[in-house]
Amino acid sequence: MSTYQWRKSSYSADAGNCVNVAAADGVIALRESDDPAVVLTTTPAALRAFIRGTKAGRLDHVNEPPRHA
């Protein structure tokens, strides 16, 4: 496993509850700053699709029960 060079958003300032991101060996790693031992990994393509879907509103109603026709 590679040593990650973690980055956080400049918008986070000195906040302690941030998401950190790193890239190495074709993998994107994500972690929460208050629990850095838990690391999630994904591919750049999957993360890009997730971000695009989120921005497009496709996850706005995830917690709603399914509609029946």
PDB file of N, CA and C in Angstrom:
ATOM      1  N   MET A   1       0.845  -1.181   0.000  1.00  0.00           N
ATOM      2  CA  MET A   1       0.000   0.000   0.000  1.00  0.00           C
ATOM      3  C   MET A   1       0.884   1.235   0.000  1.00  0.00           C
ATOM      4  N   SER A   2       0.499   2.201  -0.791  1.00  0.00           N
ATOM      5  CA  SER A   2       1.276   3.428  -0.912  1.00  0.00           C
ATOM      6  C   SER A   2       1.077   4.331   0.302  1.00  0.00           C
ATOM      7  N   THR A   3       2.070   5.192   0.512  1.00  0.00           N
ATOM      8  CA  THR A   3       1.917   6.232   1.513  1.00  0.00           C
ATOM      9  C   THR A   3       1.163   7.374   0.852  1.00  0.00           C
ATOM     10  N   TYR A   4       0.044   7.732   1.424  1.00  0.00           N
ATOM     11  CA  TYR A   4      -0.793   8.775   0.835  1.00  0.00           C
ATOM     12  C   TYR A   4      -0.331  10.158   1.269  1.00  0.00           C
ATOM     13  N   GLN A   5      -0.448  11.106   0.362  1.00  0.00           N
ATOM     14  CA  GLN A   5      -0.235  12.514   0.655  1.00  0.00           C
ATOM     15  C   GLN A   5      -1.633  13.122   0.775  1.00  0.00           C
ATOM     16  N   TRP A   6      -2.144  13.190   2.002  1.00  0.00           N
ATOM     17  CA  TRP A   6      -3.515  13.621   2.246  1.00  0.00           C
ATOM     18  C   TRP A   6      -3.672  15.112   2.019  1.00  0.00           C
ATOM     19  N   ARG A   7      -4.825  15.493   1.457  1.00  0.00           N
ATOM     20  CA  ARG A   7      -5.166  16.903   1.244  1.00  0.00           C
ATOM     21  C   ARG A   7      -6.551  17.149   1.794  1.00  0.00           C
ATOM     22  N   LYS A   8      -6.775  18.368   2.252  1.00  0.00           N
ATOM     23  CA  LYS A   8      -8.125  18.764   2.653  1.00  0.00           C
ATOM     24  C   LYS A   8      -8.458  20.080   1.972  1.00  0.00           C
ATOM     25  N   SER A   9      -9.715  20.337   1.861  1.00  0.00           N
ATOM     26  CA  SER A   9     -10.174  21.538   1.184  1.00  0.00           C
ATOM     27  C   SER A   9      -9.695  22.789   1.908  1.00  0.00           C
ATOM     28  N   SER A  10      -9.348  23.800   1.142  1.00  0.00           N
ATOM     29  CA  SER A  10      -8.972  25.079   1.752  1.00  0.00           C
ATOM     30  C   SER A  10     -10.177  25.729   2.430  1.00  0.00           C
ATOM     31  N   TYR A  11     -11.389  25.303   2.067  1.00  0.00           N
ATOM     32  CA  TYR A  11     -12.599  25.827   2.699  1.00  0.00           C
ATOM     33  C   TYR A  11     -12.762  25.301   4.121  1.00  0.00           C
ATOM     34  N   SER A  12     -12.033  24.246   4.481  1.00  0.00           N
ATOM     35  CA  SER A  12     -12.156  23.651   5.808  1.00  0.00           C
ATOM     36  C   SER A  12     -11.468  24.473   6.889  1.00  0.00           C
ATOM     37  N   ALA A  13     -10.535  25.313   6.490  1.00  0.00           N
ATOM     38  CA  ALA A  13      -9.758  26.136   7.436  1.00  0.00           C
ATOM     39  C   ALA A  13      -9.181  25.247   8.531  1.00  0.00           C
ATOM     40  N   ASP A  14      -9.482  25.555   9.789  1.00  0.00           N
ATOM     41  CA  ASP A  14      -8.962  24.757  10.897  1.00  0.00           C
ATOM     42  C   ASP A  14     -10.006  23.804  11.469  1.00  0.00           C
ATOM     43  N   ALA A  15     -11.082  23.587  10.742  1.00  0.00           N
ATOM     44  CA  ALA A  15     -12.136  22.687  11.218  1.00  0.00           C
ATOM     45  C   ALA A  15     -11.583  21.278  11.380  1.00  0.00           C
ATOM     46  N   GLY A  16     -12.039  20.590  12.401  1.00  0.00           N
ATOM     47  CA  GLY A  16     -11.554  19.245  12.678  1.00  0.00           C
ATOM     48  C   GLY A  16     -12.374  18.157  12.030  1.00  0.00           C
ATOM     49  N   ASN A  17     -13.508  18.486  11.457  1.00  0.00           N
ATOM     50  CA  ASN A  17     -14.368  17.466  10.856  1.00  0.00           C
ATOM     51  C   ASN A  17     -14.389  17.640   9.340  1.00  0.00           C
ATOM     52  N   CYS A  18     -13.366  17.132   8.692  1.00  0.00           N
ATOM     53  CA  CYS A  18     -13.186  17.314   7.262  1.00  0.00           C
ATOM     54  C   CYS A  18     -13.028  15.958   6.586  1.00  0.00           C
ATOM     55  N   VAL A  19     -13.210  15.945   5.292  1.00  0.00           N
ATOM     56  CA  VAL A  19     -12.885  14.776   4.489  1.00  0.00           C
ATOM     57  C   VAL A  19     -11.544  15.055   3.834  1.00  0.00           C
ATOM     58  N   ASN A  20     -10.628  14.118   3.976  1.00  0.00           N
ATOM     59  CA  ASN A  20      -9.323  14.223   3.341  1.00  0.00           C
ATOM     60  C   ASN A  20      -9.322  13.328   2.111  1.00  0.00           C
ATOM     61  N   VAL A  21      -8.576  13.726   1.090  1.00  0.00           N
ATOM     62  CA  VAL A  21      -8.486  12.951  -0.141  1.00  0.00           C
ATOM     63  C   VAL A  21      -7.028  12.796  -0.541  1.00  0.00           C
ATOM     64  N   ALA A  22      -6.725  11.660  -1.159  1.00  0.00           N
ATOM     65  CA  ALA A  22      -5.369  11.405  -1.642  1.00  0.00           C
ATOM     66  C   ALA A  22      -5.467  10.534  -2.893  1.00  0.00           C
ATOM     67  N   ALA A  23      -4.449  10.599  -3.717  1.00  0.00           N
ATOM     68  CA  ALA A  23      -4.398   9.769  -4.919  1.00  0.00           C
ATOM     69  C   ALA A  23      -3.044   9.086  -4.993  1.00  0.00           C
ATOM     70  N   ALA A  24      -3.053   7.798  -5.308  1.00  0.00           N
ATOM     71  CA  ALA A  24      -1.809   7.042  -5.462  1.00  0.00           C
ATOM     72  C   ALA A  24      -2.099   5.763  -6.235  1.00  0.00           C
ATOM     73  N   ASP A  25      -1.226   5.419  -7.131  1.00  0.00           N
ATOM     74  CA  ASP A  25      -1.324   4.155  -7.876  1.00  0.00           C
ATOM     75  C   ASP A  25      -2.677   3.969  -8.561  1.00  0.00           C
ATOM     76  N   GLY A  26      -3.264   5.039  -9.096  1.00  0.00           N
ATOM     77  CA  GLY A  26      -4.529   4.948  -9.798  1.00  0.00           C
ATOM     78  C   GLY A  26      -5.741   4.778  -8.908  1.00  0.00           C
ATOM     79  N   VAL A  27      -5.575   5.011  -7.615  1.00  0.00           N
ATOM     80  CA  VAL A  27      -6.653   4.860  -6.639  1.00  0.00           C
ATOM     81  C   VAL A  27      -6.884   6.197  -5.941  1.00  0.00           C
ATOM     82  N   ILE A  28      -8.136   6.509  -5.666  1.00  0.00           N
ATOM     83  CA  ILE A  28      -8.482   7.679  -4.864  1.00  0.00           C
ATOM     84  C   ILE A  28      -8.834   7.177  -3.475  1.00  0.00           C
ATOM     85  N   ALA A  29      -8.228   7.753  -2.450  1.00  0.00           N
ATOM     86  CA  ALA A  29      -8.495   7.374  -1.067  1.00  0.00           C
ATOM     87  C   ALA A  29      -9.191   8.532  -0.365  1.00  0.00           C
ATOM     88  N   LEU A  30     -10.167   8.194   0.464  1.00  0.00           N
ATOM     89  CA  LEU A  30     -10.929   9.184   1.221  1.00  0.00           C
ATOM     90  C   LEU A  30     -10.929   8.771   2.679  1.00  0.00           C
ATOM     91  N   ARG A  31     -10.844   9.758   3.563  1.00  0.00           N
ATOM     92  CA  ARG A  31     -10.951   9.477   4.989  1.00  0.00           C
ATOM     93  C   ARG A  31     -11.568  10.680   5.687  1.00  0.00           C
ATOM     94  N   GLU A  32     -12.155  10.422   6.832  1.00  0.00           N
ATOM     95  CA  GLU A  32     -12.706  11.483   7.662  1.00  0.00           C
ATOM     96  C   GLU A  32     -11.623  11.888   8.652  1.00  0.00           C
ATOM     97  N   SER A  33     -11.424  13.178   8.835  1.00  0.00           N
ATOM     98  CA  SER A  33     -10.311  13.643   9.659  1.00  0.00           C
ATOM     99  C   SER A  33     -10.419  13.218  11.110  1.00  0.00           C
ATOM    100  N   ASP A  34     -11.634  13.035  11.625  1.00  0.00           N
ATOM    101  CA  ASP A  34     -11.739  12.641  13.031  1.00  0.00           C
ATOM    102  C   ASP A  34     -11.659  11.124  13.223  1.00  0.00           C
ATOM    103  N   ASP A  35     -11.523  10.339  12.144  1.00  0.00           N
ATOM    104  CA  ASP A  35     -11.300   8.898  12.231  1.00  0.00           C
ATOM    105  C   ASP A  35     -10.376   8.472  11.092  1.00  0.00           C
ATOM    106  N   PRO A  36      -9.124   8.936  11.111  1.00  0.00           N
ATOM    107  CA  PRO A  36      -8.225   8.741   9.979  1.00  0.00           C
ATOM    108  C   PRO A  36      -7.813   7.297   9.717  1.00  0.00           C
ATOM    109  N   ALA A  37      -8.089   6.386  10.638  1.00  0.00           N
ATOM    110  CA  ALA A  37      -7.720   4.991  10.418  1.00  0.00           C
ATOM    111  C   ALA A  37      -8.651   4.306   9.417  1.00  0.00           C
ATOM    112  N   VAL A  38      -9.836   4.851   9.212  1.00  0.00           N
ATOM    113  CA  VAL A  38     -10.795   4.282   8.262  1.00  0.00           C
ATOM    114  C   VAL A  38     -10.602   4.972   6.918  1.00  0.00           C
ATOM    115  N   VAL A  39     -10.170   4.203   5.936  1.00  0.00           N
ATOM    116  CA  VAL A  39      -9.880   4.748   4.611  1.00  0.00           C
ATOM    117  C   VAL A  39     -10.734   4.014   3.578  1.00  0.00           C
ATOM    118  N   LEU A  40     -11.463   4.760   2.783  1.00  0.00           N
ATOM    119  CA  LEU A  40     -12.233   4.207   1.674  1.00  0.00           C
ATOM    120  C   LEU A  40     -11.464   4.460   0.395  1.00  0.00           C
ATOM    121  N   THR A  41     -11.475   3.501  -0.520  1.00  0.00           N
ATOM    122  CA  THR A  41     -10.798   3.695  -1.793  1.00  0.00           C
ATOM    123  C   THR A  41     -11.782   3.486  -2.935  1.00  0.00           C
ATOM    124  N   THR A  42     -11.508   4.160  -4.020  1.00  0.00           N
ATOM    125  CA  THR A  42     -12.333   4.065  -5.222  1.00  0.00           C
ATOM    126  C   THR A  42     -11.466   4.406  -6.417  1.00  0.00           C
ATOM    127  N   THR A  43     -12.037   4.285  -7.586  1.00  0.00           N
ATOM    128  CA  THR A  43     -11.316   4.669  -8.800  1.00  0.00           C
ATOM    129  C   THR A  43     -11.657   6.118  -9.149  1.00  0.00           C
ATOM    130  N   PRO A  44     -10.808   6.775  -9.897  1.00  0.00           N
ATOM    131  CA  PRO A  44     -11.145   8.137 -10.323  1.00  0.00           C
ATOM    132  C   PRO A  44     -12.471   8.184 -11.093  1.00  0.00           C
ATOM    133  N   ALA A  45     -12.732   7.208 -11.950  1.00  0.00           N
ATOM    134  CA  ALA A  45     -13.969   7.205 -12.737  1.00  0.00           C
ATOM    135  C   ALA A  45     -15.202   7.057 -11.842  1.00  0.00           C
ATOM    136  N   ALA A  46     -15.131   6.174 -10.858  1.00  0.00           N
ATOM    137  CA  ALA A  46     -16.275   5.976  -9.961  1.00  0.00           C
ATOM    138  C   ALA A  46     -16.525   7.216  -9.114  1.00  0.00           C
ATOM    139  N   LEU A  47     -15.470   7.848  -8.626  1.00  0.00           N
ATOM    140  CA  LEU A  47     -15.640   9.064  -7.834  1.00  0.00           C
ATOM    141  C   LEU A  47     -16.205  10.188  -8.699  1.00  0.00           C
ATOM    142  N   ARG A  48     -15.718  10.299  -9.927  1.00  0.00           N
ATOM    143  CA  ARG A  48     -16.223  11.318 -10.851  1.00  0.00           C
ATOM    144  C   ARG A  48     -17.723  11.102 -11.113  1.00  0.00           C
ATOM    145  N   ALA A  49     -18.139   9.861 -11.336  1.00  0.00           N
ATOM    146  CA  ALA A  49     -19.558   9.559 -11.568  1.00  0.00           C
ATOM    147  C   ALA A  49     -20.391   9.886 -10.339  1.00  0.00           C
ATOM    148  N   PHE A  50     -19.874   9.583  -9.145  1.00  0.00           N
ATOM    149  CA  PHE A  50     -20.583   9.889  -7.905  1.00  0.00           C
ATOM    150  C   PHE A  50     -20.776  11.396  -7.746  1.00  0.00           C
ATOM    151  N   ILE A  51     -19.726  12.161  -7.983  1.00  0.00           N
ATOM    152  CA  ILE A  51     -19.801  13.616  -7.838  1.00  0.00           C
ATOM    153  C   ILE A  51     -20.764  14.198  -8.872  1.00  0.00           C
ATOM    154  N   ARG A  52     -20.669  13.747 -10.109  1.00  0.00           N
ATOM    155  CA  ARG A  52     -21.582  14.246 -11.144  1.00  0.00           C
ATOM    156  C   ARG A  52     -23.033  13.907 -10.809  1.00  0.00           C
ATOM    157  N   GLY A  53     -23.284  12.687 -10.349  1.00  0.00           N
ATOM    158  CA  GLY A  53     -24.634  12.286  -9.980  1.00  0.00           C
ATOM    159  C   GLY A  53     -25.174  13.093  -8.821  1.00  0.00           C
ATOM    160  N   THR A  54     -24.321  13.375  -7.850  1.00  0.00           N
ATOM    161  CA  THR A  54     -24.724  14.178  -6.704  1.00  0.00           C
ATOM    162  C   THR A  54     -25.081  15.592  -7.138  1.00  0.00           C
ATOM    163  N   LYS A  55     -24.223  16.189  -7.960  1.00  0.00           N
ATOM    164  CA  LYS A  55     -24.486  17.542  -8.451  1.00  0.00           C
ATOM    165  C   LYS A  55     -25.754  17.599  -9.288  1.00  0.00           C
ATOM    166  N   ALA A  56     -26.070  16.524  -9.988  1.00  0.00           N
ATOM    167  CA  ALA A  56     -27.265  16.484 -10.836  1.00  0.00           C
ATOM    168  C   ALA A  56     -28.533  16.189 -10.036  1.00  0.00           C
ATOM    169  N   GLY A  57     -28.379  15.913  -8.736  1.00  0.00           N
ATOM    170  CA  GLY A  57     -29.539  15.680  -7.890  1.00  0.00           C
ATOM    171  C   GLY A  57     -30.035  14.247  -7.859  1.00  0.00           C
ATOM    172  N   ARG A  58     -29.271  13.309  -8.411  1.00  0.00           N
ATOM    173  CA  ARG A  58     -29.732  11.927  -8.452  1.00  0.00           C
ATOM    174  C   ARG A  58     -29.736  11.246  -7.091  1.00  0.00           C
ATOM    175  N   LEU A  59     -29.150  11.865  -6.089  1.00  0.00           N
ATOM    176  CA  LEU A  59     -29.152  11.286  -4.739  1.00  0.00           C
ATOM    177  C   LEU A  59     -30.013  12.090  -3.770  1.00  0.00           C
ATOM    178  N   ASP A  60     -30.776  13.038  -4.284  1.00  0.00           N
ATOM    179  CA  ASP A  60     -31.575  13.909  -3.423  1.00  0.00           C
ATOM    180  C   ASP A  60     -32.667  13.170  -2.655  1.00  0.00           C
ATOM    181  N   HIS A  61     -33.136  12.067  -3.170  1.00  0.00           N
ATOM    182  CA  HIS A  61     -34.266  11.370  -2.553  1.00  0.00           C
ATOM    183  C   HIS A  61     -33.917   9.936  -2.166  1.00  0.00           C
ATOM    184  N   VAL A  62     -32.691   9.695  -1.766  1.00  0.00           N
ATOM    185  CA  VAL A  62     -32.231   8.348  -1.435  1.00  0.00           C
ATOM    186  C   VAL A  62     -33.019   7.753  -0.266  1.00  0.00           C
ATOM    187  N   ASN A  63     -33.358   8.533   0.726  1.00  0.00           N
ATOM    188  CA  ASN A  63     -34.020   8.023   1.916  1.00  0.00           C
ATOM    189  C   ASN A  63     -35.529   7.927   1.796  1.00  0.00           C
ATOM    190  N   GLU A  64     -36.094   8.341   0.679  1.00  0.00           N
ATOM    191  CA  GLU A  64     -37.530   8.270   0.498  1.00  0.00           C
ATOM    192  C   GLU A  64     -37.920   6.862   0.070  1.00  0.00           C
ATOM    193  N   PRO A  65     -39.081   6.381   0.519  1.00  0.00           N
ATOM    194  CA  PRO A  65     -39.530   5.052   0.073  1.00  0.00           C
ATOM    195  C   PRO A  65     -39.820   5.068  -1.419  1.00  0.00           C
ATOM    196  N   PRO A  66     -39.685   3.919  -2.081  1.00  0.00           N
ATOM    197  CA  PRO A  66     -39.956   3.890  -3.525  1.00  0.00           C
ATOM    198  C   PRO A  66     -41.415   4.196  -3.817  1.00  0.00           C
ATOM    199  N   ARG A  67     -41.627   4.848  -4.934  1.00  0.00           N
ATOM    200  CA  ARG A  67     -42.996   5.175  -5.374  1.00  0.00           C
ATOM    201  C   ARG A  67     -43.568   3.982  -6.126  1.00  0.00           C
ATOM    202  N   HIS A  68     -44.831   3.692  -5.862  1.00  0.00           N
ATOM    203  CA  HIS A  68     -45.515   2.611  -6.573  1.00  0.00           C
ATOM    204  C   HIS A  68     -46.474   3.212  -7.580  1.00  0.00           C
ATOM    205  N   ALA A  69     -46.460   2.675  -8.774  1.00  0.00           N
ATOM    206  CA  ALA A  69     -47.321   3.196  -9.851  1.00  0.00           C
ATOM    207  C   ALA A  69     -48.749   2.743  -9.671  1.00  0.00           C
TER     208      ALA A  69
END
